[in-house]
Amino acid sequence: MARMNNDPSTQNQALAVLLLDHYAGRIARARRTYLMGLSGLQGSGKSTLARVIKTQAESRGIPTEVLSLDDFYYSRSDRELMAREIHPLLRTRGVPGTHEIELLMSVLAGLPKASDKLPVPYPRFDKGRDTRLPPSRWPKVTRPPKLVILEGWALGIRPQTVAALAAPVNELERTEDPDGAWRRWVNKQLRGYQPLWRKLDALIVLQAPNWDVVRRWRSEQEQLLIARHAPLAMGGEAMQRFLAHFERLSRHALATLPTLADSWVEYDTERHVTGLNHN
């Protein structure tokens, strides 16, 4: 396909239309709520695109909700407990095992087309303060959606082989996980995410060019938090350490997700769409 207009807003609008055109028939025929997964590494723009798809779907008369995997991170106090009882690296949110998957599955179970469980509350995670908002401030789904878009950085990733876990991928793993206990635990937790992935009616992957570009994109996002004076916004060194927790599975995702996806969107280094592919 020809590269889309470089304006991010125009590009997202065009991409949302193309994706909805492709999936509209399947959504219409679905006998239950259609669950669309939108997977992309840090800084790829998946949250923004999810909101645009929702707006476009609503304009077509498709009641739509957006859920973010990030909102299901465990609270900071829960992760502190995990850091003490399992491994110190679990203090940092992000890797499989730091999401409350059971809660996400429960929320999804309450969102069929005709539900007597509504309204359904779901958590909201404050990244600026690195913890969940209290339940009194959680948003609620008040109407049965026809389409649910679940967006998140890890969606669709499958566990690595035991052999792939042996060698560290960066300095963080070499010095703070020298025996591989953390990465083996994370990989084991990822197996528990597979039932959620199997619930996806479609998996759409936003494919970055490489890991170095992902690091730059995510650092640019953090600069926006710094500009807004977010309490726990990270500077350069802290950001690089934070991203090191994600590097292993991010590289794994870049190598494997396009072949697992129903659709995948190719981006260049400046987040311009250069291709839309359907498997």
C-alpha atoms as a PDB file:
ATOM      1  CA  MET A   1       0.000   0.000   0.000  1.00  0.00           C
ATOM      2  CA  ALA A   2       1.115   3.583  -0.530  1.00  0.00           C
ATOM      3  CA  ARG A   3       2.359   5.440   2.529  1.00  0.00           C
ATOM      4  CA  MET A   4      -0.380   7.405   4.231  1.00  0.00           C
ATOM      5  CA  ASN A   5      -0.464  11.115   4.913  1.00  0.00           C
ATOM      6  CA  ASN A   6       2.310  11.992   7.395  1.00  0.00           C
ATOM      7  CA  ASP A   7      -0.023  13.929   9.678  1.00  0.00           C
ATOM      8  CA  PRO A   8      -0.579  11.582  12.687  1.00  0.00           C
ATOM      9  CA  SER A   9      -4.247  12.472  13.091  1.00  0.00           C
ATOM     10  CA  THR A  10      -5.042  11.999   9.398  1.00  0.00           C
ATOM     11  CA  GLN A  11      -3.010   8.797   9.297  1.00  0.00           C
ATOM     12  CA  ASN A  12      -4.854   7.302  12.273  1.00  0.00           C
ATOM     13  CA  GLN A  13      -8.215   8.221  10.787  1.00  0.00           C
ATOM     14  CA  ALA A  14      -7.332   6.527   7.500  1.00  0.00           C
ATOM     15  CA  LEU A  15      -5.933   3.459   9.254  1.00  0.00           C
ATOM     16  CA  ALA A  16      -9.013   3.131  11.468  1.00  0.00           C
ATOM     17  CA  VAL A  17     -11.278   3.262   8.401  1.00  0.00           C
ATOM     18  CA  LEU A  18      -9.244   0.574   6.598  1.00  0.00           C
ATOM     19  CA  LEU A  19      -9.269  -1.720   9.626  1.00  0.00           C
ATOM     20  CA  LEU A  20     -12.988  -1.281  10.238  1.00  0.00           C
ATOM     21  CA  ASP A  21     -13.749  -1.856   6.567  1.00  0.00           C
ATOM     22  CA  HIS A  22     -11.848  -5.135   6.816  1.00  0.00           C
ATOM     23  CA  TYR A  23     -13.473  -6.330  10.055  1.00  0.00           C
ATOM     24  CA  ALA A  24     -16.968  -4.790   9.820  1.00  0.00           C
ATOM     25  CA  GLY A  25     -18.576  -7.924   8.400  1.00  0.00           C
ATOM     26  CA  ARG A  26     -17.101 -10.124  11.107  1.00  0.00           C
ATOM     27  CA  ILE A  27     -18.197  -7.729  13.832  1.00  0.00           C
ATOM     28  CA  ALA A  28     -21.731  -7.611  12.409  1.00  0.00           C
ATOM     29  CA  ARG A  29     -21.984 -11.402  12.208  1.00  0.00           C
ATOM     30  CA  ALA A  30     -20.614 -12.028  15.701  1.00  0.00           C
ATOM     31  CA  ARG A  31     -23.198 -13.504  18.051  1.00  0.00           C
ATOM     32  CA  ARG A  32     -21.439 -12.032  21.055  1.00  0.00           C
ATOM     33  CA  THR A  33     -19.235  -9.033  21.758  1.00  0.00           C
ATOM     34  CA  TYR A  34     -16.377  -8.968  19.224  1.00  0.00           C
ATOM     35  CA  LEU A  35     -12.998  -8.710  20.973  1.00  0.00           C
ATOM     36  CA  MET A  36     -10.325  -6.973  18.898  1.00  0.00           C
ATOM     37  CA  GLY A  37      -6.766  -7.007  20.230  1.00  0.00           C
ATOM     38  CA  LEU A  38      -4.484  -4.097  19.339  1.00  0.00           C
ATOM     39  CA  SER A  39      -0.888  -4.959  20.137  1.00  0.00           C
ATOM     40  CA  GLY A  40       2.076  -2.628  19.868  1.00  0.00           C
ATOM     41  CA  LEU A  41       5.320  -1.999  21.691  1.00  0.00           C
ATOM     42  CA  GLN A  42       5.930   1.055  23.830  1.00  0.00           C
ATOM     43  CA  GLY A  43       5.384   4.349  22.050  1.00  0.00           C
ATOM     44  CA  SER A  44       3.789   2.819  18.946  1.00  0.00           C
ATOM     45  CA  GLY A  45       0.582   4.838  19.322  1.00  0.00           C
ATOM     46  CA  LYS A  46      -1.784   1.956  20.053  1.00  0.00           C
ATOM     47  CA  SER A  47      -3.788   3.855  22.703  1.00  0.00           C
ATOM     48  CA  THR A  48      -4.404   6.757  20.330  1.00  0.00           C
ATOM     49  CA  LEU A  49      -5.327   4.459  17.454  1.00  0.00           C
ATOM     50  CA  ALA A  50      -7.710   2.505  19.698  1.00  0.00           C
ATOM     51  CA  ARG A  51      -9.568   5.719  20.548  1.00  0.00           C
ATOM     52  CA  VAL A  52      -9.806   6.652  16.859  1.00  0.00           C
ATOM     53  CA  ILE A  53     -11.140   3.196  15.941  1.00  0.00           C
ATOM     54  CA  LYS A  54     -13.745   3.569  18.694  1.00  0.00           C
ATOM     55  CA  THR A  55     -14.865   6.941  17.312  1.00  0.00           C
ATOM     56  CA  GLN A  56     -15.068   5.564  13.780  1.00  0.00           C
ATOM     57  CA  ALA A  57     -16.945   2.453  14.939  1.00  0.00           C
ATOM     58  CA  GLU A  58     -19.442   4.528  16.920  1.00  0.00           C
ATOM     59  CA  SER A  59     -20.068   6.643  13.810  1.00  0.00           C
ATOM     60  CA  ARG A  60     -21.046   3.404  12.047  1.00  0.00           C
ATOM     61  CA  GLY A  61     -23.506   2.537  14.802  1.00  0.00           C
ATOM     62  CA  ILE A  62     -21.249  -0.013  16.515  1.00  0.00           C
ATOM     63  CA  PRO A  63     -21.302   0.446  20.327  1.00  0.00           C
ATOM     64  CA  THR A  64     -17.626   0.205  21.298  1.00  0.00           C
ATOM     65  CA  GLU A  65     -15.509   0.137  24.441  1.00  0.00           C
ATOM     66  CA  VAL A  66     -11.719   0.413  24.780  1.00  0.00           C
ATOM     67  CA  LEU A  67      -9.834  -1.416  27.510  1.00  0.00           C
ATOM     68  CA  SER A  68      -6.108  -1.104  28.129  1.00  0.00           C
ATOM     69  CA  LEU A  69      -3.973  -3.934  29.447  1.00  0.00           C
ATOM     70  CA  ASP A  70      -1.921  -1.255  31.227  1.00  0.00           C
ATOM     71  CA  ASP A  71      -4.871  -0.387  33.469  1.00  0.00           C
ATOM     72  CA  PHE A  72      -4.689  -3.876  34.946  1.00  0.00           C
ATOM     73  CA  TYR A  73      -1.198  -3.508  36.388  1.00  0.00           C
ATOM     74  CA  TYR A  74      -1.009  -4.448  40.024  1.00  0.00           C
ATOM     75  CA  SER A  75      -0.727  -1.522  42.423  1.00  0.00           C
ATOM     76  CA  ARG A  76       2.669  -0.342  43.597  1.00  0.00           C
ATOM     77  CA  SER A  77       2.144  -1.912  47.036  1.00  0.00           C
ATOM     78  CA  ASP A  78       1.279  -5.267  45.448  1.00  0.00           C
ATOM     79  CA  ARG A  79       4.420  -5.134  43.326  1.00  0.00           C
ATOM     80  CA  GLU A  80       6.527  -4.235  46.349  1.00  0.00           C
ATOM     81  CA  LEU A  81       5.266  -7.430  47.952  1.00  0.00           C
ATOM     82  CA  MET A  82       6.097  -9.405  44.805  1.00  0.00           C
ATOM     83  CA  ALA A  83       9.577  -7.862  44.800  1.00  0.00           C
ATOM     84  CA  ARG A  84      10.181  -9.071  48.355  1.00  0.00           C
ATOM     85  CA  GLU A  85       8.653 -12.522  47.958  1.00  0.00           C
ATOM     86  CA  ILE A  86       9.566 -13.469  44.364  1.00  0.00           C
ATOM     87  CA  HIS A  87      12.228 -11.228  42.762  1.00  0.00           C
ATOM     88  CA  PRO A  88      13.333  -7.582  43.205  1.00  0.00           C
ATOM     89  CA  LEU A  89      12.847  -6.826  39.492  1.00  0.00           C
ATOM     90  CA  LEU A  90       9.084  -7.288  39.893  1.00  0.00           C
ATOM     91  CA  ARG A  91       8.956  -3.935  41.625  1.00  0.00           C
ATOM     92  CA  THR A  92       8.810  -2.459  38.105  1.00  0.00           C
ATOM     93  CA  ARG A  93       5.510  -2.756  36.234  1.00  0.00           C
ATOM     94  CA  GLY A  94       5.349  -4.078  32.709  1.00  0.00           C
ATOM     95  CA  VAL A  95       6.344  -7.701  32.304  1.00  0.00           C
ATOM     96  CA  PRO A  96       3.881 -10.616  32.377  1.00  0.00           C
ATOM     97  CA  GLY A  97       2.998 -11.362  35.963  1.00  0.00           C
ATOM     98  CA  THR A  98       2.554  -7.688  36.875  1.00  0.00           C
ATOM     99  CA  HIS A  99      -0.979  -7.560  35.423  1.00  0.00           C
ATOM    100  CA  GLU A 100      -4.066  -8.805  37.261  1.00  0.00           C
ATOM    101  CA  ILE A 101      -5.236 -11.004  34.403  1.00  0.00           C
ATOM    102  CA  GLU A 102      -8.031 -12.588  36.460  1.00  0.00           C
ATOM    103  CA  LEU A 103      -9.609  -9.162  36.942  1.00  0.00           C
ATOM    104  CA  LEU A 104      -9.384  -8.416  33.215  1.00  0.00           C
ATOM    105  CA  MET A 105     -11.022 -11.747  32.383  1.00  0.00           C
ATOM    106  CA  SER A 106     -13.785 -10.952  34.885  1.00  0.00           C
ATOM    107  CA  VAL A 107     -14.422  -7.556  33.283  1.00  0.00           C
ATOM    108  CA  LEU A 108     -14.599  -9.115  29.818  1.00  0.00           C
ATOM    109  CA  ALA A 109     -17.026 -11.741  31.094  1.00  0.00           C
ATOM    110  CA  GLY A 110     -19.388  -8.945  32.115  1.00  0.00           C
ATOM    111  CA  LEU A 111     -19.532  -7.359  28.662  1.00  0.00           C
ATOM    112  CA  PRO A 112     -21.612  -9.629  26.413  1.00  0.00           C
ATOM    113  CA  LYS A 113     -24.074  -8.038  23.995  1.00  0.00           C
ATOM    114  CA  ALA A 114     -26.922  -8.580  26.431  1.00  0.00           C
ATOM    115  CA  SER A 115     -25.712  -8.487  30.020  1.00  0.00           C
ATOM    116  CA  ASP A 116     -27.395  -8.332  33.387  1.00  0.00           C
ATOM    117  CA  LYS A 117     -24.019  -7.542  34.981  1.00  0.00           C
ATOM    118  CA  LEU A 118     -23.845  -3.941  33.798  1.00  0.00           C
ATOM    119  CA  PRO A 119     -22.569  -1.512  34.835  1.00  0.00           C
ATOM    120  CA  VAL A 120     -19.129  -3.131  34.961  1.00  0.00           C
ATOM    121  CA  PRO A 121     -16.331  -1.130  36.649  1.00  0.00           C
ATOM    122  CA  TYR A 122     -12.749  -1.545  35.479  1.00  0.00           C
ATOM    123  CA  PRO A 123      -9.491  -0.218  36.927  1.00  0.00           C
ATOM    124  CA  ARG A 124      -7.566   2.846  35.852  1.00  0.00           C
ATOM    125  CA  PHE A 125      -3.796   2.949  36.322  1.00  0.00           C
ATOM    126  CA  ASP A 126      -2.033   6.266  36.933  1.00  0.00           C
ATOM    127  CA  LYS A 127       1.384   5.899  35.291  1.00  0.00           C
ATOM    128  CA  GLY A 128       2.493   9.266  36.615  1.00  0.00           C
ATOM    129  CA  ARG A 129       2.145   7.917  40.166  1.00  0.00           C
ATOM    130  CA  ASP A 130       2.809   4.290  39.242  1.00  0.00           C
ATOM    131  CA  THR A 131      -0.262   2.871  40.941  1.00  0.00           C
ATOM    132  CA  ARG A 132      -3.969   2.246  40.480  1.00  0.00           C
ATOM    133  CA  LEU A 133      -6.580   4.828  41.175  1.00  0.00           C
ATOM    134  CA  PRO A 134      -8.891   3.882  44.054  1.00  0.00           C
ATOM    135  CA  PRO A 135     -11.985   1.868  43.022  1.00  0.00           C
ATOM    136  CA  SER A 136     -14.223   4.868  43.685  1.00  0.00           C
ATOM    137  CA  ARG A 137     -12.587   6.540  40.667  1.00  0.00           C
ATOM    138  CA  TRP A 138     -12.770   3.572  38.280  1.00  0.00           C
ATOM    139  CA  PRO A 139     -14.755   4.118  35.072  1.00  0.00           C
ATOM    140  CA  LYS A 140     -17.754   1.916  34.300  1.00  0.00           C
ATOM    141  CA  VAL A 141     -19.137   0.263  31.193  1.00  0.00           C
ATOM    142  CA  THR A 142     -22.831   1.120  31.286  1.00  0.00           C
ATOM    143  CA  ARG A 143     -24.104  -0.336  27.982  1.00  0.00           C
ATOM    144  CA  PRO A 144     -23.488  -3.669  26.253  1.00  0.00           C
ATOM    145  CA  PRO A 145     -20.841  -3.132  23.537  1.00  0.00           C
ATOM    146  CA  LYS A 146     -20.833  -4.810  20.147  1.00  0.00           C
ATOM    147  CA  LEU A 147     -17.058  -4.248  19.855  1.00  0.00           C
ATOM    148  CA  VAL A 148     -14.406  -4.222  22.582  1.00  0.00           C
ATOM    149  CA  ILE A 149     -10.890  -3.079  21.678  1.00  0.00           C
ATOM    150  CA  LEU A 150      -8.245  -4.399  24.068  1.00  0.00           C
ATOM    151  CA  GLU A 151      -4.941  -2.614  23.578  1.00  0.00           C
ATOM    152  CA  GLY A 152      -1.615  -3.449  25.188  1.00  0.00           C
ATOM    153  CA  TRP A 153       2.077  -3.887  24.577  1.00  0.00           C
ATOM    154  CA  ALA A 154       2.231  -7.632  25.246  1.00  0.00           C
ATOM    155  CA  LEU A 155      -0.911  -8.821  23.479  1.00  0.00           C
ATOM    156  CA  GLY A 156      -0.422 -12.054  21.555  1.00  0.00           C
ATOM    157  CA  ILE A 157       3.134 -12.793  22.720  1.00  0.00           C
ATOM    158  CA  ARG A 158       3.849 -16.465  23.273  1.00  0.00           C
ATOM    159  CA  PRO A 159       6.346 -17.832  25.796  1.00  0.00           C
ATOM    160  CA  GLN A 160       9.970 -18.227  24.785  1.00  0.00           C
ATOM    161  CA  THR A 161      11.755 -21.556  24.714  1.00  0.00           C
ATOM    162  CA  VAL A 162      13.890 -22.570  27.673  1.00  0.00           C
ATOM    163  CA  ALA A 163      16.992 -22.270  25.494  1.00  0.00           C
ATOM    164  CA  ALA A 164      16.118 -18.689  24.520  1.00  0.00           C
ATOM    165  CA  LEU A 165      16.077 -17.690  28.198  1.00  0.00           C
ATOM    166  CA  ALA A 166      19.634 -18.822  28.897  1.00  0.00           C
ATOM    167  CA  ALA A 167      21.653 -15.807  27.721  1.00  0.00           C
ATOM    168  CA  PRO A 168      20.942 -12.307  29.120  1.00  0.00           C
ATOM    169  CA  VAL A 169      19.927  -9.685  26.563  1.00  0.00           C
ATOM    170  CA  ASN A 170      21.203  -6.595  28.401  1.00  0.00           C
ATOM    171  CA  GLU A 171      23.116  -5.324  31.425  1.00  0.00           C
ATOM    172  CA  LEU A 172      20.034  -5.428  33.648  1.00  0.00           C
ATOM    173  CA  GLU A 173      19.664  -9.167  33.114  1.00  0.00           C
ATOM    174  CA  ARG A 174      23.407  -9.780  33.456  1.00  0.00           C
ATOM    175  CA  THR A 175      23.743  -7.978  36.790  1.00  0.00           C
ATOM    176  CA  GLU A 176      20.293  -8.233  38.424  1.00  0.00           C
ATOM    177  CA  ASP A 177      19.111 -11.588  37.072  1.00  0.00           C
ATOM    178  CA  PRO A 178      22.384 -13.495  36.667  1.00  0.00           C
ATOM    179  CA  ASP A 179      20.816 -16.914  37.331  1.00  0.00           C
ATOM    180  CA  GLY A 180      17.806 -16.235  35.064  1.00  0.00           C
ATOM    181  CA  ALA A 181      15.250 -16.702  37.856  1.00  0.00           C
ATOM    182  CA  TRP A 182      13.312 -13.524  36.989  1.00  0.00           C
ATOM    183  CA  ARG A 183      13.092 -14.172  33.272  1.00  0.00           C
ATOM    184  CA  ARG A 184      12.066 -17.796  33.835  1.00  0.00           C
ATOM    185  CA  TRP A 185       9.329 -16.658  36.248  1.00  0.00           C
ATOM    186  CA  VAL A 186       8.078 -14.029  33.765  1.00  0.00           C
ATOM    187  CA  ASN A 187       8.045 -16.590  30.963  1.00  0.00           C
ATOM    188  CA  LYS A 188       6.016 -18.968  33.151  1.00  0.00           C
ATOM    189  CA  GLN A 189       3.506 -16.199  33.911  1.00  0.00           C
ATOM    190  CA  LEU A 190       3.173 -15.505  30.187  1.00  0.00           C
ATOM    191  CA  ARG A 191       1.739 -18.991  29.767  1.00  0.00           C
ATOM    192  CA  GLY A 192      -1.128 -17.860  31.983  1.00  0.00           C
ATOM    193  CA  TYR A 193      -1.908 -15.037  29.523  1.00  0.00           C
ATOM    194  CA  GLN A 194      -2.545 -17.450  26.645  1.00  0.00           C
ATOM    195  CA  PRO A 195      -6.237 -18.116  27.558  1.00  0.00           C
ATOM    196  CA  LEU A 196      -6.808 -14.368  27.237  1.00  0.00           C
ATOM    197  CA  TRP A 197      -5.095 -14.245  23.854  1.00  0.00           C
ATOM    198  CA  ARG A 198      -7.316 -17.112  22.700  1.00  0.00           C
ATOM    199  CA  LYS A 199     -10.386 -15.021  23.478  1.00  0.00           C
ATOM    200  CA  LEU A 200      -9.323 -12.452  20.881  1.00  0.00           C
ATOM    201  CA  ASP A 201     -11.456 -12.588  17.726  1.00  0.00           C
ATOM    202  CA  ALA A 202      -8.768 -10.632  15.882  1.00  0.00           C
ATOM    203  CA  LEU A 203      -5.209  -9.592  16.732  1.00  0.00           C
ATOM    204  CA  ILE A 204      -3.882  -6.432  15.063  1.00  0.00           C
ATOM    205  CA  VAL A 205      -0.171  -5.727  15.544  1.00  0.00           C
ATOM    206  CA  LEU A 206       1.502  -2.336  15.170  1.00  0.00           C
ATOM    207  CA  GLN A 207       4.972  -3.327  14.004  1.00  0.00           C
ATOM    208  CA  ALA A 208       7.891  -1.022  14.783  1.00  0.00           C
ATOM    209  CA  PRO A 209      11.073  -1.256  12.679  1.00  0.00           C
ATOM    210  CA  ASN A 210      13.350  -2.392  15.533  1.00  0.00           C
ATOM    211  CA  TRP A 211      14.009  -2.222  19.277  1.00  0.00           C
ATOM    212  CA  ASP A 212      16.189   0.916  19.110  1.00  0.00           C
ATOM    213  CA  VAL A 213      13.303   2.843  17.546  1.00  0.00           C
ATOM    214  CA  VAL A 214      10.931   1.566  20.243  1.00  0.00           C
ATOM    215  CA  ARG A 215      13.269   2.890  22.934  1.00  0.00           C
ATOM    216  CA  ARG A 216      13.282   6.298  21.284  1.00  0.00           C
ATOM    217  CA  TRP A 217       9.501   6.378  20.893  1.00  0.00           C
ATOM    218  CA  ARG A 218       8.947   5.439  24.546  1.00  0.00           C
ATOM    219  CA  SER A 219      11.455   8.038  25.744  1.00  0.00           C
ATOM    220  CA  GLU A 220       9.580  10.682  23.753  1.00  0.00           C
ATOM    221  CA  GLN A 221       6.383   9.721  25.590  1.00  0.00           C
ATOM    222  CA  GLU A 222       8.131  10.124  28.934  1.00  0.00           C
ATOM    223  CA  GLN A 223       9.234  13.628  27.982  1.00  0.00           C
ATOM    224  CA  LEU A 224       5.544  14.526  27.724  1.00  0.00           C
ATOM    225  CA  LEU A 225       5.021  13.288  31.303  1.00  0.00           C
ATOM    226  CA  ILE A 226       7.988  15.356  32.450  1.00  0.00           C
ATOM    227  CA  ALA A 227       6.512  18.412  30.736  1.00  0.00           C
ATOM    228  CA  ARG A 228       3.257  17.822  32.656  1.00  0.00           C
ATOM    229  CA  HIS A 229       5.250  17.518  35.912  1.00  0.00           C
ATOM    230  CA  ALA A 230       4.058  13.969  36.554  1.00  0.00           C
ATOM    231  CA  PRO A 231       5.410  12.977  39.989  1.00  0.00           C
ATOM    232  CA  LEU A 232       7.307   9.853  38.884  1.00  0.00           C
ATOM    233  CA  ALA A 233       8.259  10.868  35.336  1.00  0.00           C
ATOM    234  CA  MET A 234      11.637   9.375  34.400  1.00  0.00           C
ATOM    235  CA  GLY A 235      14.736  11.075  33.081  1.00  0.00           C
ATOM    236  CA  GLY A 236      17.234   9.509  30.687  1.00  0.00           C
ATOM    237  CA  GLU A 237      19.017   6.930  32.876  1.00  0.00           C
ATOM    238  CA  ALA A 238      15.874   5.892  34.741  1.00  0.00           C
ATOM    239  CA  MET A 239      14.021   5.513  31.449  1.00  0.00           C
ATOM    240  CA  GLN A 240      16.739   3.302  29.970  1.00  0.00           C
ATOM    241  CA  ARG A 241      16.687   1.069  33.046  1.00  0.00           C
ATOM    242  CA  PHE A 242      12.892   0.878  32.911  1.00  0.00           C
ATOM    243  CA  LEU A 243      12.937  -0.135  29.245  1.00  0.00           C
ATOM    244  CA  ALA A 244      15.541  -2.826  29.920  1.00  0.00           C
ATOM    245  CA  HIS A 245      12.827  -4.782  31.743  1.00  0.00           C
ATOM    246  CA  PHE A 246      10.875  -4.941  28.454  1.00  0.00           C
ATOM    247  CA  GLU A 247      13.716  -5.574  26.012  1.00  0.00           C
ATOM    248  CA  ARG A 248      13.682  -9.362  25.997  1.00  0.00           C
ATOM    249  CA  LEU A 249       9.994  -9.797  25.230  1.00  0.00           C
ATOM    250  CA  SER A 250       9.911  -6.751  22.958  1.00  0.00           C
ATOM    251  CA  ARG A 251      12.575  -8.259  20.721  1.00  0.00           C
ATOM    252  CA  HIS A 252      10.671 -11.558  20.847  1.00  0.00           C
ATOM    253  CA  ALA A 253       7.464  -9.741  19.841  1.00  0.00           C
ATOM    254  CA  LEU A 254       9.137  -7.961  16.931  1.00  0.00           C
ATOM    255  CA  ALA A 255      10.375 -11.296  15.603  1.00  0.00           C
ATOM    256  CA  THR A 256       7.226 -13.366  16.070  1.00  0.00           C
ATOM    257  CA  LEU A 257       4.006 -11.331  16.244  1.00  0.00           C
ATOM    258  CA  PRO A 258       3.527 -10.451  12.546  1.00  0.00           C
ATOM    259  CA  THR A 259       3.094 -14.129  11.660  1.00  0.00           C
ATOM    260  CA  LEU A 260       0.680 -14.660  14.576  1.00  0.00           C
ATOM    261  CA  ALA A 261      -1.453 -11.592  13.836  1.00  0.00           C
ATOM    262  CA  ASP A 262      -4.636 -11.414  11.805  1.00  0.00           C
ATOM    263  CA  SER A 263      -3.477  -7.994  10.561  1.00  0.00           C
ATOM    264  CA  TRP A 264      -0.242  -6.108  11.032  1.00  0.00           C
ATOM    265  CA  VAL A 265       0.642  -2.486  10.361  1.00  0.00           C
ATOM    266  CA  GLU A 266       4.181  -1.594   9.326  1.00  0.00           C
ATOM    267  CA  TYR A 267       5.706   1.687  10.544  1.00  0.00           C
ATOM    268  CA  ASP A 268       8.907   3.455   9.619  1.00  0.00           C
ATOM    269  CA  THR A 269      11.190   5.099  12.160  1.00  0.00           C
ATOM    270  CA  GLU A 270       8.969   8.224  12.344  1.00  0.00           C
ATOM    271  CA  ARG A 271       5.723   6.263  12.918  1.00  0.00           C
ATOM    272  CA  HIS A 272       4.561   6.692   9.323  1.00  0.00           C
ATOM    273  CA  VAL A 273       2.478   3.748   8.108  1.00  0.00           C
ATOM    274  CA  THR A 274       4.204   1.984   5.219  1.00  0.00           C
ATOM    275  CA  GLY A 275       2.061  -1.137   4.972  1.00  0.00           C
ATOM    276  CA  LEU A 276      -1.125  -2.861   6.130  1.00  0.00           C
ATOM    277  CA  ASN A 277      -1.086  -6.641   5.812  1.00  0.00           C
ATOM    278  CA  HIS A 278      -3.692  -9.338   6.519  1.00  0.00           C
ATOM    279  CA  ASN A 279      -2.736 -12.952   7.239  1.00  0.00           C
END
